[in-house]
Amino acid sequence: MDSDEGQNFAKAYWNMITDFTGGDMSMLPRLIELGRFQNTDHKWKEVQDIANGYVEPALGVYFSRLGVDPFQEGNKEETE
């Protein structure tokens, strides 16, 4: 997760999210809720859980290195 490859992934993934939301971090809770796929079949949920097992730690390291917490109200991350 903290490899260059993992951090490049995290940066690209986060940039995609900020592009999608237009930087509106108030949308994050709803996106997280949608990402839980509560009413999907078991196999799809297993695949999503595997993906989240990589994405979440990679983003955690990425945010830690940036010194930001996008889940704190009023915090806006600047993208390069």
C-alpha atoms as a PDB file:
ATOM      1  CA  MET A   1       0.000   0.000   0.000  1.00  0.00           C
ATOM      2  CA  ASP A   2       2.893   2.358   0.663  1.00  0.00           C
ATOM      3  CA  SER A   3       4.837   1.350  -2.444  1.00  0.00           C
ATOM      4  CA  ASP A   4       5.200   3.808  -5.304  1.00  0.00           C
ATOM      5  CA  GLU A   5       2.698   1.726  -7.273  1.00  0.00           C
ATOM      6  CA  GLY A   6       0.195   1.750  -4.412  1.00  0.00           C
ATOM      7  CA  GLN A   7       0.572   5.480  -3.886  1.00  0.00           C
ATOM      8  CA  ASN A   8       0.256   6.252  -7.599  1.00  0.00           C
ATOM      9  CA  PHE A   9      -2.948   4.229  -7.583  1.00  0.00           C
ATOM     10  CA  ALA A  10      -4.239   6.070  -4.493  1.00  0.00           C
ATOM     11  CA  LYS A  11      -3.465   9.464  -6.036  1.00  0.00           C
ATOM     12  CA  ALA A  12      -5.199   8.583  -9.318  1.00  0.00           C
ATOM     13  CA  TYR A  13      -8.175   7.077  -7.477  1.00  0.00           C
ATOM     14  CA  TRP A  14      -8.550  10.127  -5.223  1.00  0.00           C
ATOM     15  CA  ASN A  15      -8.205  12.511  -8.175  1.00  0.00           C
ATOM     16  CA  MET A  16     -11.010  10.607  -9.885  1.00  0.00           C
ATOM     17  CA  ILE A  17     -13.204  11.025  -6.801  1.00  0.00           C
ATOM     18  CA  THR A  18     -12.461  14.742  -6.474  1.00  0.00           C
ATOM     19  CA  ASP A  19     -13.129  15.253 -10.190  1.00  0.00           C
ATOM     20  CA  PHE A  20     -16.441  13.409  -9.858  1.00  0.00           C
ATOM     21  CA  THR A  21     -17.515  15.415  -6.789  1.00  0.00           C
ATOM     22  CA  GLY A  22     -16.118  18.696  -8.060  1.00  0.00           C
ATOM     23  CA  GLY A  23     -14.215  18.904  -4.775  1.00  0.00           C
ATOM     24  CA  ASP A  24     -17.424  18.836  -2.723  1.00  0.00           C
ATOM     25  CA  MET A  25     -16.348  16.680   0.209  1.00  0.00           C
ATOM     26  CA  SER A  26     -19.881  16.751   1.627  1.00  0.00           C
ATOM     27  CA  MET A  27     -20.658  14.101  -1.007  1.00  0.00           C
ATOM     28  CA  LEU A  28     -18.208  11.589   0.528  1.00  0.00           C
ATOM     29  CA  PRO A  29     -20.619  10.008   3.037  1.00  0.00           C
ATOM     30  CA  ARG A  30     -23.130   9.290   0.261  1.00  0.00           C
ATOM     31  CA  LEU A  31     -20.433   7.844  -2.009  1.00  0.00           C
ATOM     32  CA  ILE A  32     -19.252   5.604   0.815  1.00  0.00           C
ATOM     33  CA  GLU A  33     -22.804   4.445   1.413  1.00  0.00           C
ATOM     34  CA  LEU A  34     -23.270   3.661  -2.283  1.00  0.00           C
ATOM     35  CA  GLY A  35     -19.964   1.793  -2.300  1.00  0.00           C
ATOM     36  CA  ARG A  36     -21.204  -0.697   0.253  1.00  0.00           C
ATOM     37  CA  PHE A  37     -23.389  -2.457  -2.348  1.00  0.00           C
ATOM     38  CA  GLN A  38     -25.831  -3.602   0.310  1.00  0.00           C
ATOM     39  CA  ASN A  39     -28.343  -5.178  -2.060  1.00  0.00           C
ATOM     40  CA  THR A  40     -25.988  -6.976  -4.417  1.00  0.00           C
ATOM     41  CA  ASP A  41     -25.334 -10.664  -4.815  1.00  0.00           C
ATOM     42  CA  HIS A  42     -22.856 -12.385  -2.522  1.00  0.00           C
ATOM     43  CA  LYS A  43     -20.162 -12.930  -5.182  1.00  0.00           C
ATOM     44  CA  TRP A  44     -20.074  -9.241  -6.173  1.00  0.00           C
ATOM     45  CA  LYS A  45     -19.848  -8.231  -2.501  1.00  0.00           C
ATOM     46  CA  GLU A  46     -16.867 -10.570  -2.031  1.00  0.00           C
ATOM     47  CA  VAL A  47     -15.066  -8.956  -4.977  1.00  0.00           C
ATOM     48  CA  GLN A  48     -15.818  -5.476  -3.635  1.00  0.00           C
ATOM     49  CA  ASP A  49     -14.524  -6.445  -0.183  1.00  0.00           C
ATOM     50  CA  ILE A  50     -11.243  -7.616  -1.739  1.00  0.00           C
ATOM     51  CA  ALA A  51     -10.905  -4.329  -3.643  1.00  0.00           C
ATOM     52  CA  ASN A  52     -11.665  -2.310  -0.509  1.00  0.00           C
ATOM     53  CA  GLY A  53      -8.976  -4.272   1.323  1.00  0.00           C
ATOM     54  CA  TYR A  54      -6.455  -2.654  -1.027  1.00  0.00           C
ATOM     55  CA  VAL A  55      -8.033   0.746  -1.712  1.00  0.00           C
ATOM     56  CA  GLU A  56      -8.709   1.764   1.883  1.00  0.00           C
ATOM     57  CA  PRO A  57      -5.173   1.188   3.238  1.00  0.00           C
ATOM     58  CA  ALA A  58      -3.580   2.749   0.124  1.00  0.00           C
ATOM     59  CA  LEU A  59      -5.703   5.879   0.567  1.00  0.00           C
ATOM     60  CA  GLY A  60      -4.897   5.916   4.282  1.00  0.00           C
ATOM     61  CA  VAL A  61      -1.167   6.036   3.559  1.00  0.00           C
ATOM     62  CA  TYR A  62      -1.707   8.615   0.798  1.00  0.00           C
ATOM     63  CA  PHE A  63      -3.676  10.957   3.089  1.00  0.00           C
ATOM     64  CA  SER A  64      -1.210  10.435   5.920  1.00  0.00           C
ATOM     65  CA  ARG A  65       1.700  11.449   3.710  1.00  0.00           C
ATOM     66  CA  LEU A  66      -0.218  14.518   2.541  1.00  0.00           C
ATOM     67  CA  GLY A  67      -1.137  15.386   6.114  1.00  0.00           C
ATOM     68  CA  VAL A  68      -4.827  15.743   5.270  1.00  0.00           C
ATOM     69  CA  ASP A  69      -8.025  14.062   6.345  1.00  0.00           C
ATOM     70  CA  PRO A  70     -10.661  14.592   3.652  1.00  0.00           C
ATOM     71  CA  PHE A  71     -13.309  13.179   5.973  1.00  0.00           C
ATOM     72  CA  GLN A  72     -13.001  16.145   8.333  1.00  0.00           C
ATOM     73  CA  GLU A  73     -15.679  18.755   7.670  1.00  0.00           C
ATOM     74  CA  GLY A  74     -14.417  21.795   5.817  1.00  0.00           C
ATOM     75  CA  ASN A  75     -11.223  20.133   4.602  1.00  0.00           C
ATOM     76  CA  LYS A  76     -10.567  20.416   0.880  1.00  0.00           C
ATOM     77  CA  GLU A  77      -7.657  18.633  -0.720  1.00  0.00           C
ATOM     78  CA  GLU A  78      -5.761  20.342  -3.474  1.00  0.00           C
ATOM     79  CA  THR A  79      -4.860  18.149  -6.414  1.00  0.00           C
ATOM     80  CA  GLU A  80      -1.742  18.612  -8.483  1.00  0.00           C
END
